[in-house]
Amino acid sequence: MRKVAIIGVGQSAFVRGYPGSIRELAFEGFREAMQDAKIATTDIDASVVCSSPEYDKQRSPAGVLAEYLGLTPQPTFYVETLCSSSSTGLKLAYSLVASGLHDVVAVVGFQKMSEITSAESQERMGRGADIQWESPFGTMMPAYYATYARGHFLKYGTTPDDLALIRVKAATYGQINEKAVYRKPVTFDMFSDPDNTMSGPVASPLRVGDCCANADGSSCLIVACEEKAKIFSKKPVWIKGIGAASTAVNLSGRDLFSGLSVGIEAGKQAYKMAGITPKHINVAEVHDCFTIAELMAYENLGFAKPGEGKELIRSKETYREGSIPVNVDGGLLSKGHPIGATGGSQVRTIVLQLRGEAGAMQVKEPVFGLVHNIGGVGLYGNVTILGRE
C-alpha cells in the first residue's frame, strides 16, 4: 500500500440559490483545487463524483461533469452515501491510489439543492430513512435528531442552553468564513427571545437555531501517491487514518442514548490506522447538521467522556483557542449543507489548517486534524485523520 496525500483543495462559496448549472457549480470547486495543486487535467488519472442523486435533475452526473471538467477519457466513478458522499469519495480515491491503480485522482462533490422546493427537499430527506417502516409516518431529519437530543437530555442532563452555545460558536466563525452561507452573528439571548427566529420551534427540543440550512455548493480534493505528491506539492497533507461504518436504518434497531454508533466505529478504525489517540488531534471538523450532532461527536470521537461533551462547549474548549478546536470554519450550521459537497469542504478546512493557511480561523501549529462526516441519520459514518508529515 502506497502513502497517499492531498495536494489540492477547493470549494465554491456555499449559497442559497446558485444561478448556474451543476456543471458550472462543480467547476468552481474544481478550478480552485486545480489552481491550488498547480497541475493540469492531463495529470489526473481518474475522477470520483459525489452527490445525493435524489436532488439532481441530471441522471448519472459523473459522466456529465467529467466531460465538462476535461477529465475524459480517464475513468470516472460515482459515489453516494447521502450527506457523507464526498468523504466516501475520498475513501475510494485513497484506495485507488494506495493500491497503485491510479496516481492522481480528483474527488468532486456537489449539490444544487435549490433545484427543488424546500417541501420536496424535506420529503427526499425523509426517504433517506426506511421507506417501508419509518418515512411513511412523516419523520423528517429534525425529528430524528430531536429524538437523539431527547435521549441525551434524559441520560446526561444536557439542556437546550448547551445546544445554543454550539450555535453561538458556529456563528462566531461563520462570520469570518467568506465561503459560508450564514455570516450573521448569533447571541445566546436570541434563543430565549420568543420574537427571534432562532428560538422558533422545529422539533422539540430543537429550534431554528439548532438546525443547519440547505445550500448549493461544490468541493474538490486532489489526491496523489507519494511520488507525485512530492513532485507537485510543497505542502502535501497525508491521509494517516481512514475509517467507515454503517448501522441499522430504523431507529428501533439502535441505542438512542449513546450517540451515533457509526461515528464511534469509524473513529476507532481511523485512530488505529493512524496509530494515534483522540489526545493527538489538534483540530477537528465534525458533522453538525444539528447542534446535538456536534455535541454527540465530541463524545463519540473521544474528545470527552459520554455525557461530558457539554462541559467542552460550556468552557469554550472547542473554540479556536481551546484544547480541541472544532468547526472553527463555522461548520454546517454556518456554512450550509450542500449534501454532496459537505465532506470535501470539511477536508478542505483541515488541509488548510495543517498547511497553516486558514487565515483568521487558523489554529496554532496543528499536526493532526480529523474529519467526521455522517450520512443520513447516522446511517453512514466516515472519519478521516490527516497529518502534516
Protein backbone atom coordinates (compact mmCIF):
# COMPACT_ATOMS: atom_id res chain seq x y z
CA MET A 1 0.00 0.00 0.00
CA ARG A 2 1.41 3.35 -1.06
CA LYS A 3 1.31 6.53 1.01
CA VAL A 4 -1.40 8.94 -0.12
CA ALA A 5 -1.56 12.73 0.18
CA ILE A 6 -3.95 15.54 -0.61
CA ILE A 7 -2.20 18.06 -2.83
CA GLY A 8 -5.03 20.39 -3.77
CA VAL A 9 -8.31 21.57 -2.23
CA GLY A 10 -11.10 23.77 -3.49
CA GLN A 11 -14.61 24.89 -2.66
CA SER A 12 -17.20 27.17 -4.16
CA ALA A 13 -18.99 29.67 -1.99
CA PHE A 14 -21.98 27.96 -0.41
CA VAL A 15 -25.13 29.87 -1.39
CA ARG A 16 -28.88 29.55 -1.09
CA GLY A 17 -29.62 29.78 -4.81
CA TYR A 18 -26.84 29.19 -7.34
CA PRO A 19 -27.85 30.73 -10.70
CA GLY A 20 -25.88 28.39 -12.98
CA SER A 21 -25.91 24.70 -13.89
CA ILE A 22 -24.43 21.83 -11.89
CA ARG A 23 -21.55 21.82 -14.41
CA GLU A 24 -20.68 25.41 -13.59
CA LEU A 25 -21.17 24.83 -9.87
CA ALA A 26 -18.82 21.83 -9.86
CA PHE A 27 -16.27 23.77 -11.89
CA GLU A 28 -15.93 26.42 -9.18
CA GLY A 29 -14.62 23.97 -6.58
CA PHE A 30 -12.60 22.07 -9.20
CA ARG A 31 -10.92 25.21 -10.53
CA GLU A 32 -9.80 26.28 -7.06
CA ALA A 33 -8.39 22.83 -6.31
CA MET A 34 -6.52 22.66 -9.61
CA GLN A 35 -5.04 26.10 -9.06
CA ASP A 36 -4.09 25.06 -5.55
CA ALA A 37 -2.39 21.88 -6.78
CA LYS A 38 -0.86 23.67 -9.79
CA ILE A 39 -1.50 20.74 -12.11
CA ALA A 40 -3.25 20.20 -15.45
CA THR A 41 -6.22 17.97 -16.22
CA THR A 42 -3.87 15.62 -18.06
CA ASP A 43 -2.13 14.93 -14.73
CA ILE A 44 -5.35 13.43 -13.32
CA ASP A 45 -5.77 9.68 -13.90
CA ALA A 46 -9.36 9.33 -12.67
CA SER A 47 -12.21 11.22 -11.03
CA VAL A 48 -14.78 10.44 -8.35
CA VAL A 49 -18.01 12.44 -8.46
CA CYS A 50 -20.13 12.60 -5.31
CA SER A 51 -23.70 13.77 -4.71
CA SER A 52 -27.05 12.62 -3.42
CA PRO A 53 -28.96 11.85 -6.64
CA GLU A 54 -32.49 12.48 -5.40
CA TYR A 55 -31.71 16.21 -5.51
CA ASP A 56 -30.20 16.07 -9.00
CA LYS A 57 -32.24 16.59 -12.15
CA GLN A 58 -29.30 15.19 -14.14
CA ARG A 59 -29.19 11.40 -14.05
CA SER A 60 -25.69 9.86 -13.80
CA PRO A 61 -23.91 13.20 -13.26
CA ALA A 62 -20.40 11.69 -13.11
CA GLY A 63 -20.03 11.37 -16.87
CA VAL A 64 -21.55 14.79 -17.50
CA LEU A 65 -19.21 16.52 -15.05
CA ALA A 66 -16.11 14.57 -16.13
CA GLU A 67 -16.71 15.73 -19.70
CA TYR A 68 -17.26 19.36 -18.66
CA LEU A 69 -14.19 19.41 -16.41
CA GLY A 70 -11.94 17.95 -19.12
CA LEU A 71 -11.40 14.64 -17.33
CA THR A 72 -12.25 12.31 -20.21
CA PRO A 73 -11.27 9.73 -21.44
CA GLN A 74 -9.99 8.94 -17.93
CA PRO A 75 -12.39 6.77 -15.90
CA THR A 76 -14.92 8.41 -13.63
CA PHE A 77 -16.80 6.88 -10.70
CA TYR A 78 -20.00 7.94 -8.95
CA VAL A 79 -20.38 7.71 -5.15
CA GLU A 80 -23.42 8.29 -2.95
CA THR A 81 -23.77 7.85 0.81
CA LEU A 82 -26.19 10.70 1.47
CA CYS A 83 -24.55 13.56 3.42
CA SER A 84 -21.21 11.72 3.65
CA SER A 85 -20.85 11.21 -0.10
CA SER A 86 -17.66 13.18 -0.69
CA SER A 87 -15.82 11.72 2.31
CA THR A 88 -16.78 8.30 0.95
CA GLY A 89 -15.42 9.57 -2.37
CA LEU A 90 -12.16 10.37 -0.61
CA LYS A 91 -12.02 6.82 0.76
CA LEU A 92 -12.47 5.46 -2.77
CA ALA A 93 -9.80 7.79 -4.14
CA TYR A 94 -7.44 6.77 -1.33
CA SER A 95 -8.00 3.12 -2.22
CA LEU A 96 -7.40 3.69 -5.92
CA VAL A 97 -4.12 5.50 -5.26
CA ALA A 98 -2.84 3.35 -2.37
CA SER A 99 -3.42 0.21 -4.41
CA GLY A 100 -1.43 1.55 -7.36
CA LEU A 101 -4.33 1.58 -9.82
CA HIS A 102 -4.05 5.36 -10.24
CA ASP A 103 -1.53 8.02 -9.24
CA VAL A 104 -3.68 11.16 -9.10
CA VAL A 105 -7.45 11.24 -8.52
CA ALA A 106 -9.87 14.18 -8.29
CA VAL A 107 -12.79 13.94 -5.85
CA VAL A 108 -15.59 16.31 -6.90
CA GLY A 109 -18.57 16.80 -4.59
CA PHE A 110 -21.55 18.95 -5.46
CA GLN A 111 -25.20 19.59 -4.73
CA LYS A 112 -27.61 22.12 -6.16
CA MET A 113 -30.41 21.77 -3.64
CA SER A 114 -32.25 24.86 -4.91
CA GLU A 115 -33.37 22.92 -7.99
CA ILE A 116 -36.27 21.62 -5.89
CA THR A 117 -38.54 23.29 -3.32
CA SER A 118 -37.99 23.12 0.44
CA ALA A 119 -41.02 20.84 0.77
CA GLU A 120 -39.62 18.49 -1.88
CA SER A 121 -36.23 18.60 -0.20
CA GLN A 122 -37.71 17.59 3.16
CA GLU A 123 -39.64 14.75 1.52
CA ARG A 124 -36.46 13.44 -0.08
CA MET A 125 -34.59 13.71 3.22
CA GLY A 126 -37.33 11.66 4.81
CA ARG A 127 -36.74 8.98 2.19
CA GLY A 128 -33.18 8.69 3.45
CA ALA A 129 -34.79 6.58 6.17
CA ASP A 130 -36.60 3.27 5.64
CA ILE A 131 -39.39 3.97 3.13
CA GLN A 132 -41.33 0.91 4.30
CA TRP A 133 -41.27 1.22 8.07
CA GLU A 134 -40.35 4.82 9.02
CA SER A 135 -40.58 7.65 6.49
CA PRO A 136 -44.26 7.00 5.54
CA PHE A 137 -45.14 8.10 9.07
CA GLY A 138 -43.82 11.61 8.42
CA THR A 139 -40.49 11.53 10.20
CA MET A 140 -38.05 14.17 8.95
CA MET A 141 -34.39 14.89 9.66
CA PRO A 142 -35.05 17.40 12.50
CA ALA A 143 -37.36 14.91 14.23
CA TYR A 144 -34.80 12.13 14.04
CA TYR A 145 -32.04 14.24 15.58
CA ALA A 146 -34.51 15.61 18.13
CA THR A 147 -35.01 12.01 19.25
CA TYR A 148 -31.27 11.71 19.88
CA ALA A 149 -31.33 15.05 21.69
CA ARG A 150 -34.12 13.84 23.97
CA GLY A 151 -32.12 10.72 24.77
CA HIS A 152 -29.03 12.77 25.62
CA PHE A 153 -31.05 15.16 27.78
CA LEU A 154 -32.66 12.31 29.72
CA LYS A 155 -29.48 10.33 30.31
CA TYR A 156 -26.95 13.11 30.90
CA GLY A 157 -28.85 16.22 31.94
CA THR A 158 -27.91 18.18 28.82
CA THR A 159 -30.07 21.27 28.21
CA PRO A 160 -31.22 23.39 25.27
CA ASP A 161 -28.82 26.06 26.53
CA ASP A 162 -25.88 23.74 25.83
CA LEU A 163 -27.04 23.34 22.25
CA ALA A 164 -27.45 27.11 21.91
CA LEU A 165 -23.81 27.57 22.92
CA ILE A 166 -22.78 25.36 19.99
CA ARG A 167 -24.68 27.57 17.55
CA VAL A 168 -23.13 30.70 19.05
CA LYS A 169 -19.68 29.20 18.45
CA ALA A 170 -20.60 28.29 14.87
CA ALA A 171 -21.70 31.85 14.15
CA THR A 172 -18.53 33.24 15.72
CA TYR A 173 -16.52 31.60 12.94
CA GLY A 174 -19.15 31.68 10.22
CA GLN A 175 -18.90 35.46 10.25
CA ILE A 176 -15.26 35.30 9.15
CA ASN A 177 -15.67 32.49 6.61
CA GLU A 178 -16.17 34.03 3.18
CA LYS A 179 -17.44 30.69 1.84
CA ALA A 180 -20.27 30.40 4.40
CA VAL A 181 -23.92 30.97 3.53
CA TYR A 182 -24.84 32.28 7.01
CA ARG A 183 -22.49 35.03 8.16
CA LYS A 184 -24.60 36.83 10.75
CA PRO A 185 -23.82 36.96 14.48
CA VAL A 186 -25.85 34.76 16.81
CA THR A 187 -26.06 35.52 20.52
CA PHE A 188 -27.16 33.28 23.37
CA ASP A 189 -30.03 35.66 24.23
CA MET A 190 -31.66 35.07 20.85
CA PHE A 191 -32.70 31.58 21.96
CA SER A 192 -34.79 32.93 24.85
CA ASP A 193 -36.42 35.69 22.80
CA PRO A 194 -39.81 34.43 21.52
CA ASP A 195 -39.76 37.07 18.80
CA ASN A 196 -36.39 35.96 17.43
CA THR A 197 -36.27 33.46 14.57
CA MET A 198 -33.52 31.48 16.28
CA SER A 199 -35.87 30.48 19.10
CA GLY A 200 -38.65 29.22 16.82
CA PRO A 201 -39.66 25.58 17.38
CA VAL A 202 -38.80 22.93 14.78
CA ALA A 203 -38.87 19.54 16.53
CA SER A 204 -38.62 19.76 20.31
CA PRO A 205 -36.10 20.33 21.78
CA LEU A 206 -34.52 21.57 18.53
CA ARG A 207 -35.19 25.14 17.45
CA VAL A 208 -34.44 27.01 14.23
CA GLY A 209 -31.02 27.97 15.57
CA ASP A 210 -30.18 24.31 16.19
CA CYS A 211 -30.56 23.38 12.51
CA CYS A 212 -28.28 23.90 9.53
CA ALA A 213 -29.60 25.26 6.23
CA ASN A 214 -29.74 23.71 2.78
CA ALA A 215 -27.31 25.23 0.30
CA ASP A 216 -25.84 24.92 -3.17
CA GLY A 217 -22.12 24.29 -3.42
CA SER A 218 -19.20 22.21 -4.63
CA SER A 219 -15.89 20.98 -3.29
CA CYS A 220 -12.87 19.27 -4.79
CA LEU A 221 -9.89 17.32 -3.45
CA ILE A 222 -6.84 16.28 -5.47
CA VAL A 223 -5.35 13.04 -4.12
CA ALA A 224 -1.93 11.74 -5.15
CA CYS A 225 0.57 8.97 -4.45
CA GLU A 226 3.73 9.84 -2.53
CA GLU A 227 5.92 10.14 -5.62
CA LYS A 228 3.58 12.52 -7.43
CA ALA A 229 2.75 14.42 -4.22
CA LYS A 230 6.42 15.26 -3.68
CA ILE A 231 6.78 16.37 -7.30
CA PHE A 232 3.67 18.55 -7.42
CA SER A 233 3.30 19.91 -3.89
CA LYS A 234 5.48 21.79 -1.39
CA LYS A 235 2.96 21.11 1.41
CA PRO A 236 1.27 17.75 0.89
CA VAL A 237 -1.13 16.73 3.64
CA TRP A 238 -1.06 12.99 4.30
CA ILE A 239 -4.01 10.69 4.86
CA LYS A 240 -2.95 8.95 8.06
CA GLY A 241 -6.10 7.08 9.00
CA ILE A 242 -9.45 6.41 7.41
CA GLY A 243 -12.48 4.63 8.88
CA ALA A 244 -16.04 3.95 7.78
CA ALA A 245 -19.11 2.25 9.22
CA SER A 246 -22.85 1.77 8.74
CA THR A 247 -25.71 0.75 11.01
CA ALA A 248 -29.39 -0.19 11.15
CA VAL A 249 -31.61 2.08 9.09
CA ASN A 250 -34.52 2.05 11.55
CA LEU A 251 -34.05 3.86 14.84
CA SER A 252 -35.82 0.96 16.56
CA GLY A 253 -32.65 -1.04 15.94
CA ARG A 254 -30.36 1.45 17.68
CA ASP A 255 -29.25 2.68 21.08
CA LEU A 256 -30.55 6.26 21.15
CA PHE A 257 -28.67 7.19 24.32
CA SER A 258 -25.06 6.71 23.17
CA GLY A 259 -24.79 8.96 20.15
CA LEU A 260 -24.12 7.75 16.60
CA SER A 261 -22.52 4.31 16.53
CA VAL A 262 -21.10 4.87 13.04
CA GLY A 263 -19.04 7.79 14.35
CA ILE A 264 -17.71 5.68 17.20
CA GLU A 265 -16.78 2.73 14.95
CA ALA A 266 -15.30 4.81 12.11
CA GLY A 267 -13.30 6.80 14.65
CA LYS A 268 -11.83 3.66 16.20
CA GLN A 269 -10.74 2.44 12.78
CA ALA A 270 -9.16 5.78 11.84
CA TYR A 271 -7.30 6.16 15.15
CA LYS A 272 -5.95 2.61 14.89
CA MET A 273 -4.78 3.08 11.32
CA ALA A 274 -3.11 6.41 12.15
CA GLY A 275 -1.53 4.98 15.31
CA ILE A 276 -2.76 7.85 17.48
CA THR A 277 -5.45 8.61 20.08
CA PRO A 278 -8.00 11.43 20.40
CA LYS A 279 -5.48 13.35 22.54
CA HIS A 280 -3.26 13.79 19.45
CA ILE A 281 -5.94 15.64 17.44
CA ASN A 282 -5.26 19.38 17.26
CA VAL A 283 -8.24 20.49 15.19
CA ALA A 284 -11.42 18.78 14.02
CA GLU A 285 -14.33 19.18 11.63
CA VAL A 286 -17.41 17.28 12.78
CA HIS A 287 -20.80 16.82 11.16
CA ASP A 288 -23.01 19.44 12.85
CA CYS A 289 -26.15 19.25 10.74
CA PHE A 290 -27.85 19.91 14.09
CA THR A 291 -26.30 21.22 17.28
CA ILE A 292 -26.92 17.90 19.03
CA ALA A 293 -24.89 16.16 16.31
CA GLU A 294 -21.80 18.19 17.22
CA LEU A 295 -22.28 17.51 20.92
CA MET A 296 -22.58 13.77 20.29
CA ALA A 297 -19.47 13.88 18.09
CA TYR A 298 -17.39 15.29 20.97
CA GLU A 299 -18.16 12.12 22.92
CA ASN A 300 -18.24 9.61 20.06
CA LEU A 301 -14.75 10.66 18.92
CA GLY A 302 -13.22 10.53 22.41
CA PHE A 303 -12.76 14.26 22.95
CA ALA A 304 -14.96 13.90 26.04
CA LYS A 305 -16.35 11.03 28.07
CA PRO A 306 -20.02 10.10 27.49
CA GLY A 307 -22.22 12.80 28.96
CA GLU A 308 -19.36 15.28 29.35
CA GLY A 309 -19.41 16.85 25.90
CA LYS A 310 -21.48 19.72 27.24
CA GLU A 311 -18.57 20.69 29.50
CA LEU A 312 -16.37 21.28 26.44
CA ILE A 313 -18.71 23.86 24.95
CA ARG A 314 -19.52 25.45 28.31
CA SER A 315 -15.80 26.05 28.93
CA LYS A 316 -15.13 27.04 25.30
CA GLU A 317 -12.58 24.23 24.87
CA THR A 318 -13.87 23.69 21.31
CA TYR A 319 -13.17 27.30 20.31
CA ARG A 320 -10.06 28.14 18.29
CA GLU A 321 -8.02 28.87 21.41
CA GLY A 322 -9.27 25.80 23.29
CA SER A 323 -7.77 22.36 23.85
CA ILE A 324 -9.69 20.77 20.93
CA PRO A 325 -10.89 23.34 18.37
CA VAL A 326 -13.94 22.03 16.49
CA ASN A 327 -15.63 23.53 13.42
CA VAL A 328 -13.72 26.78 13.52
CA ASP A 329 -14.88 27.46 9.95
CA GLY A 330 -18.47 27.75 11.21
CA GLY A 331 -19.41 24.15 10.49
CA LEU A 332 -22.53 23.14 8.61
CA LEU A 333 -24.55 25.37 10.93
CA SER A 334 -22.96 28.45 9.35
CA LYS A 335 -21.52 27.20 6.06
CA GLY A 336 -24.73 25.47 4.99
CA HIS A 337 -25.09 21.85 3.92
CA PRO A 338 -24.90 21.13 0.16
CA ILE A 339 -25.05 17.39 0.75
CA GLY A 340 -22.60 16.03 -1.84
CA ALA A 341 -20.07 18.82 -1.23
CA THR A 342 -20.05 18.84 2.56
CA GLY A 343 -17.39 16.21 3.31
CA GLY A 344 -14.98 17.72 0.79
CA SER A 345 -15.48 21.14 2.37
CA GLN A 346 -14.66 19.70 5.79
CA VAL A 347 -11.48 18.10 4.44
CA ARG A 348 -10.51 21.36 2.74
CA THR A 349 -10.71 23.18 6.07
CA ILE A 350 -8.43 20.67 7.80
CA VAL A 351 -5.93 20.69 4.93
CA LEU A 352 -5.70 24.48 5.12
CA GLN A 353 -5.27 24.25 8.90
CA LEU A 354 -2.42 21.76 8.61
CA ARG A 355 -0.74 23.89 5.96
CA GLY A 356 -1.06 27.00 8.16
CA GLU A 357 -3.24 28.71 5.55
CA ALA A 358 -6.57 29.07 7.39
CA GLY A 359 -6.25 32.83 7.96
CA ALA A 360 -8.35 34.22 10.82
CA MET A 361 -9.56 30.70 11.62
CA GLN A 362 -6.04 29.29 11.98
CA VAL A 363 -5.31 27.05 14.97
CA LYS A 364 -1.81 27.23 16.46
CA GLU A 365 0.58 24.76 14.79
CA PRO A 366 -1.69 21.73 14.31
CA VAL A 367 -0.03 18.40 13.50
CA PHE A 368 -3.08 16.14 13.21
CA GLY A 369 -6.58 17.04 12.06
CA LEU A 370 -9.75 14.96 12.00
CA VAL A 371 -12.82 14.99 9.74
CA HIS A 372 -16.07 13.36 10.92
CA ASN A 373 -18.77 13.16 8.22
CA ILE A 374 -22.15 11.47 8.75
CA GLY A 375 -24.63 10.29 6.11
CA GLY A 376 -28.34 10.41 6.88
CA VAL A 377 -29.41 9.99 10.48
CA GLY A 378 -26.22 8.17 11.39
CA LEU A 379 -26.73 5.55 8.68
CA TYR A 380 -23.21 6.04 7.31
CA GLY A 381 -20.13 7.39 9.07
CA ASN A 382 -16.67 8.35 7.84
CA VAL A 383 -13.74 9.54 9.92
CA THR A 384 -10.52 10.68 8.27
CA ILE A 385 -7.31 11.67 10.07
CA LEU A 386 -4.87 13.93 8.24
CA GLY A 387 -1.31 14.82 9.18
CA ARG A 388 1.42 17.24 8.14
CA GLU A 389 4.06 14.52 7.80
